[in-house]
Amino acid sequence: MSSAEPRRTTNTAPFQEIHMPQLRFHGVTPARLAPVSRILIDQLSETTTTARDEFTLECVATQYVFDGETVDAFPFVEVLWFERGQATRDACATAIDQAMRKAGYPEAETFFIALSPSNYYIAGQSLGRDTSGEV
């Protein structure tokens, strides 16, 4: 695996030890995101106390359609992670906003999707146990 490729974990430790934030950028080009990606990951890593190689940044090819025509994409960022609390979420949102502005996107939206460890699997093994539906 080259140093440019994201690391793929096979760790099946409890979810508290798996930090896996994934950021999906919509309406954002890789050419504009790449120059700010290092500092963004540095800031997010420090804020979340998560190793840099646990982060995944993905540019999703996005095409918007409105009134029968293709239109310019509005940039937004989805952050998939295990919940870390409001203060951490606020700090990460600020870091993402600053990176987007530096990348030439003066206005972008960011939203967080908290994943449940019981719904997250590594090598077929759940990172948590959901007992809410058990009889």
C-alpha atoms as a PDB file:
ATOM      1  CA  MET A   1       0.000   0.000   0.000  1.00  0.00           C
ATOM      2  CA  SER A   2       1.471   3.366  -0.972  1.00  0.00           C
ATOM      3  CA  SER A   3       1.588   6.236   1.495  1.00  0.00           C
ATOM      4  CA  ALA A   4      -1.058   8.028  -0.600  1.00  0.00           C
ATOM      5  CA  GLU A   5      -3.610   5.262  -0.059  1.00  0.00           C
ATOM      6  CA  PRO A   6      -5.891   5.372   2.971  1.00  0.00           C
ATOM      7  CA  ARG A   7      -5.173   2.808   5.664  1.00  0.00           C
ATOM      8  CA  ARG A   8      -7.678   0.002   5.993  1.00  0.00           C
ATOM      9  CA  THR A   9      -8.050  -1.229   9.530  1.00  0.00           C
ATOM     10  CA  THR A  10      -8.726  -4.784  10.596  1.00  0.00           C
ATOM     11  CA  ASN A  11      -8.827  -3.805  14.257  1.00  0.00           C
ATOM     12  CA  THR A  12     -11.764  -5.357  16.106  1.00  0.00           C
ATOM     13  CA  ALA A  13     -11.114  -3.566  19.397  1.00  0.00           C
ATOM     14  CA  PRO A  14     -14.042  -1.995  21.250  1.00  0.00           C
ATOM     15  CA  PHE A  15     -15.502   0.959  19.355  1.00  0.00           C
ATOM     16  CA  GLN A  16     -13.988   3.493  21.768  1.00  0.00           C
ATOM     17  CA  GLU A  17     -10.609   2.526  20.309  1.00  0.00           C
ATOM     18  CA  ILE A  18     -11.819   2.819  16.696  1.00  0.00           C
ATOM     19  CA  HIS A  19     -12.126   6.445  15.719  1.00  0.00           C
ATOM     20  CA  MET A  20     -12.923   6.252  11.960  1.00  0.00           C
ATOM     21  CA  PRO A  21     -14.251   9.718  11.101  1.00  0.00           C
ATOM     22  CA  GLN A  22     -15.268   9.777   7.448  1.00  0.00           C
ATOM     23  CA  LEU A  23     -15.858  13.088   5.708  1.00  0.00           C
ATOM     24  CA  ARG A  24     -17.796  13.056   2.439  1.00  0.00           C
ATOM     25  CA  PHE A  25     -17.471  16.238   0.413  1.00  0.00           C
ATOM     26  CA  HIS A  26     -20.271  16.976  -2.067  1.00  0.00           C
ATOM     27  CA  GLY A  27     -19.923  19.686  -4.702  1.00  0.00           C
ATOM     28  CA  VAL A  28     -16.208  19.933  -3.883  1.00  0.00           C
ATOM     29  CA  THR A  29     -13.453  19.069  -6.342  1.00  0.00           C
ATOM     30  CA  PRO A  30     -10.445  16.993  -5.279  1.00  0.00           C
ATOM     31  CA  ALA A  31      -8.168  19.635  -6.830  1.00  0.00           C
ATOM     32  CA  ARG A  32      -9.510  22.271  -4.431  1.00  0.00           C
ATOM     33  CA  LEU A  33      -9.725  20.005  -1.374  1.00  0.00           C
ATOM     34  CA  ALA A  34      -6.266  18.426  -1.646  1.00  0.00           C
ATOM     35  CA  PRO A  35      -4.244  21.576  -0.797  1.00  0.00           C
ATOM     36  CA  VAL A  36      -6.146  22.092   2.481  1.00  0.00           C
ATOM     37  CA  SER A  37      -6.515  18.424   3.421  1.00  0.00           C
ATOM     38  CA  ARG A  38      -3.319  18.145   5.466  1.00  0.00           C
ATOM     39  CA  ILE A  39      -4.090  21.058   7.775  1.00  0.00           C
ATOM     40  CA  LEU A  40      -7.736  19.977   8.031  1.00  0.00           C
ATOM     41  CA  ILE A  41      -6.770  16.476   9.127  1.00  0.00           C
ATOM     42  CA  ASP A  42      -4.204  17.931  11.550  1.00  0.00           C
ATOM     43  CA  GLN A  43      -6.879  20.114  13.160  1.00  0.00           C
ATOM     44  CA  LEU A  44      -9.496  17.356  13.284  1.00  0.00           C
ATOM     45  CA  SER A  45      -6.960  14.876  14.649  1.00  0.00           C
ATOM     46  CA  GLU A  46      -6.014  17.230  17.470  1.00  0.00           C
ATOM     47  CA  THR A  47      -9.624  18.162  18.257  1.00  0.00           C
ATOM     48  CA  THR A  48     -10.858  14.559  18.379  1.00  0.00           C
ATOM     49  CA  THR A  49      -7.649  12.983  19.748  1.00  0.00           C
ATOM     50  CA  THR A  50      -7.775  10.624  16.789  1.00  0.00           C
ATOM     51  CA  ALA A  51      -4.788   9.387  14.771  1.00  0.00           C
ATOM     52  CA  ARG A  52      -4.442  11.121  11.399  1.00  0.00           C
ATOM     53  CA  ASP A  53      -4.598   7.831   9.499  1.00  0.00           C
ATOM     54  CA  GLU A  54      -8.077   7.109  10.891  1.00  0.00           C
ATOM     55  CA  PHE A  55      -9.607   9.901   8.768  1.00  0.00           C
ATOM     56  CA  THR A  56     -11.096   9.360   5.335  1.00  0.00           C
ATOM     57  CA  LEU A  57     -11.780  12.335   3.065  1.00  0.00           C
ATOM     58  CA  GLU A  58     -13.939  11.475   0.072  1.00  0.00           C
ATOM     59  CA  CYS A  59     -15.003  13.765  -2.768  1.00  0.00           C
ATOM     60  CA  VAL A  60     -18.352  12.506  -4.000  1.00  0.00           C
ATOM     61  CA  ALA A  61     -19.064  13.250  -7.669  1.00  0.00           C
ATOM     62  CA  THR A  62     -22.200  15.356  -7.436  1.00  0.00           C
ATOM     63  CA  GLN A  63     -24.486  16.693 -10.151  1.00  0.00           C
ATOM     64  CA  TYR A  64     -27.487  18.798  -9.264  1.00  0.00           C
ATOM     65  CA  VAL A  65     -30.597  19.150 -11.391  1.00  0.00           C
ATOM     66  CA  PHE A  66     -33.250  21.854 -11.029  1.00  0.00           C
ATOM     67  CA  ASP A  67     -36.097  22.831 -13.345  1.00  0.00           C
ATOM     68  CA  GLY A  68     -34.926  20.524 -16.100  1.00  0.00           C
ATOM     69  CA  GLU A  69     -31.324  21.748 -16.134  1.00  0.00           C
ATOM     70  CA  THR A  70     -28.065  20.862 -14.459  1.00  0.00           C
ATOM     71  CA  VAL A  71     -27.008  23.552 -12.012  1.00  0.00           C
ATOM     72  CA  ASP A  72     -23.889  24.365 -10.012  1.00  0.00           C
ATOM     73  CA  ALA A  73     -23.365  22.116  -7.035  1.00  0.00           C
ATOM     74  CA  PHE A  74     -23.757  23.589  -3.567  1.00  0.00           C
ATOM     75  CA  PRO A  75     -20.904  22.366  -1.372  1.00  0.00           C
ATOM     76  CA  PHE A  76     -21.681  20.408   1.762  1.00  0.00           C
ATOM     77  CA  VAL A  77     -19.838  17.983   4.002  1.00  0.00           C
ATOM     78  CA  GLU A  78     -21.212  14.885   5.716  1.00  0.00           C
ATOM     79  CA  VAL A  79     -19.243  13.722   8.746  1.00  0.00           C
ATOM     80  CA  LEU A  80     -19.847  10.098   9.739  1.00  0.00           C
ATOM     81  CA  TRP A  81     -18.441   9.244  13.156  1.00  0.00           C
ATOM     82  CA  PHE A  82     -19.069   7.921  16.628  1.00  0.00           C
ATOM     83  CA  GLU A  83     -20.554  10.757  18.691  1.00  0.00           C
ATOM     84  CA  ARG A  84     -18.059  12.957  20.514  1.00  0.00           C
ATOM     85  CA  GLY A  85     -20.258  15.664  22.069  1.00  0.00           C
ATOM     86  CA  GLN A  86     -21.355  19.192  21.187  1.00  0.00           C
ATOM     87  CA  ALA A  87     -18.079  20.988  21.952  1.00  0.00           C
ATOM     88  CA  THR A  88     -16.069  18.617  19.745  1.00  0.00           C
ATOM     89  CA  ARG A  89     -18.714  18.791  17.014  1.00  0.00           C
ATOM     90  CA  ASP A  90     -18.615  22.616  17.103  1.00  0.00           C
ATOM     91  CA  ALA A  91     -14.806  22.695  16.911  1.00  0.00           C
ATOM     92  CA  CYS A  92     -14.767  20.229  14.010  1.00  0.00           C
ATOM     93  CA  ALA A  93     -17.450  22.193  12.154  1.00  0.00           C
ATOM     94  CA  THR A  94     -15.348  25.348  12.523  1.00  0.00           C
ATOM     95  CA  ALA A  95     -12.227  23.586  11.216  1.00  0.00           C
ATOM     96  CA  ILE A  96     -14.173  22.212   8.238  1.00  0.00           C
ATOM     97  CA  ASP A  97     -15.661  25.652   7.501  1.00  0.00           C
ATOM     98  CA  GLN A  98     -12.210  27.266   7.583  1.00  0.00           C
ATOM     99  CA  ALA A  99     -10.807  24.601   5.252  1.00  0.00           C
ATOM    100  CA  MET A 100     -13.704  25.029   2.829  1.00  0.00           C
ATOM    101  CA  ARG A 101     -13.158  28.803   2.737  1.00  0.00           C
ATOM    102  CA  LYS A 102      -9.431  28.308   2.066  1.00  0.00           C
ATOM    103  CA  ALA A 103     -10.376  25.886  -0.721  1.00  0.00           C
ATOM    104  CA  GLY A 104     -12.470  28.607  -2.360  1.00  0.00           C
ATOM    105  CA  TYR A 105     -15.925  27.718  -1.052  1.00  0.00           C
ATOM    106  CA  PRO A 106     -17.107  30.789   0.902  1.00  0.00           C
ATOM    107  CA  GLU A 107     -20.331  29.095   1.955  1.00  0.00           C
ATOM    108  CA  ALA A 108     -20.764  25.414   2.698  1.00  0.00           C
ATOM    109  CA  GLU A 109     -22.866  23.332   5.026  1.00  0.00           C
ATOM    110  CA  THR A 110     -21.644  20.594   7.343  1.00  0.00           C
ATOM    111  CA  PHE A 111     -23.708  17.978   9.094  1.00  0.00           C
ATOM    112  CA  PHE A 112     -22.794  15.139  11.400  1.00  0.00           C
ATOM    113  CA  ILE A 113     -24.199  11.620  11.322  1.00  0.00           C
ATOM    114  CA  ALA A 114     -23.570   9.711  14.541  1.00  0.00           C
ATOM    115  CA  LEU A 115     -23.029   6.021  13.920  1.00  0.00           C
ATOM    116  CA  SER A 116     -23.999   3.348  16.406  1.00  0.00           C
ATOM    117  CA  PRO A 117     -21.250   0.870  17.311  1.00  0.00           C
ATOM    118  CA  SER A 118     -23.788  -1.963  17.089  1.00  0.00           C
ATOM    119  CA  ASN A 119     -24.396  -1.055  13.430  1.00  0.00           C
ATOM    120  CA  TYR A 120     -20.706  -0.795  12.529  1.00  0.00           C
ATOM    121  CA  TYR A 121     -18.853  -3.957  11.518  1.00  0.00           C
ATOM    122  CA  ILE A 122     -15.188  -4.706  10.907  1.00  0.00           C
ATOM    123  CA  ALA A 123     -14.368  -8.087   9.374  1.00  0.00           C
ATOM    124  CA  GLY A 124     -17.930  -9.213  10.079  1.00  0.00           C
ATOM    125  CA  GLN A 125     -17.723  -8.336  13.776  1.00  0.00           C
ATOM    126  CA  SER A 126     -19.983  -5.692  15.315  1.00  0.00           C
ATOM    127  CA  LEU A 127     -18.251  -3.068  17.440  1.00  0.00           C
ATOM    128  CA  GLY A 128     -21.143  -3.004  19.899  1.00  0.00           C
ATOM    129  CA  ARG A 129     -24.187  -4.847  21.047  1.00  0.00           C
ATOM    130  CA  ASP A 130     -27.706  -3.486  20.618  1.00  0.00           C
ATOM    131  CA  THR A 131     -30.032  -5.127  23.109  1.00  0.00           C
ATOM    132  CA  SER A 132     -33.033  -2.871  22.454  1.00  0.00           C
ATOM    133  CA  GLY A 133     -34.802  -5.374  20.192  1.00  0.00           C
ATOM    134  CA  GLU A 134     -33.888  -8.599  21.977  1.00  0.00           C
ATOM    135  CA  VAL A 135     -36.524 -10.754  23.651  1.00  0.00           C
END
